[in-house]
């Protein structure tokens, strides 16, 4: 106790009451949740045939509005494959579903997922395309070309199905309507 406090008669603060909860409980709970998230990732990747070495994870712990620990999962893409981007949302949804199956209380402590590229070699990754790549004209042109390809395949399959000497069908080849 300082001299000033003794002179003015300030009482010394009472010692802090011991915690009724062992300090290892939150850290044990956090460790268990981290392991649960690792298992959910490993099992989900395996179930869907995605090599486990392609995606890793980090768990980020913070305190939620209720002052209880919450957890965020950062998925680390360690291998470049464009299919991962195509199915990232579906994978993310499946991870959430599996977590909820294993821990129904996860909605209270699991705050979400984010993605990070963590590639050892980026040489396989494509460069950004020309800005026209993202334009509506390119998209509609691609759709038109794809539709024309599908119709040509159908026409060819109909021609292949005819027997020798058989009259051609009484219809015109398929034409796209209103896409010119």
Foldseek 3Di string as FASTA:
>chain_A
DDPVCVVVVPDDDDDDDDDPDDPCVLVVVVVVVVVLLQVLLVVLCVVVVHDPVQKDWDKDWDADPVRHIAIEIEIEGADDDVVCVVCVVVSQVSSVVVSCVVPVCNVVHYDYYHYDYDYPDCPPPDDDDDPCCPDPVVVLVVVVVVVVVVQVVVVVVQVVPDDPPDDRDPDDRDDDPPSD
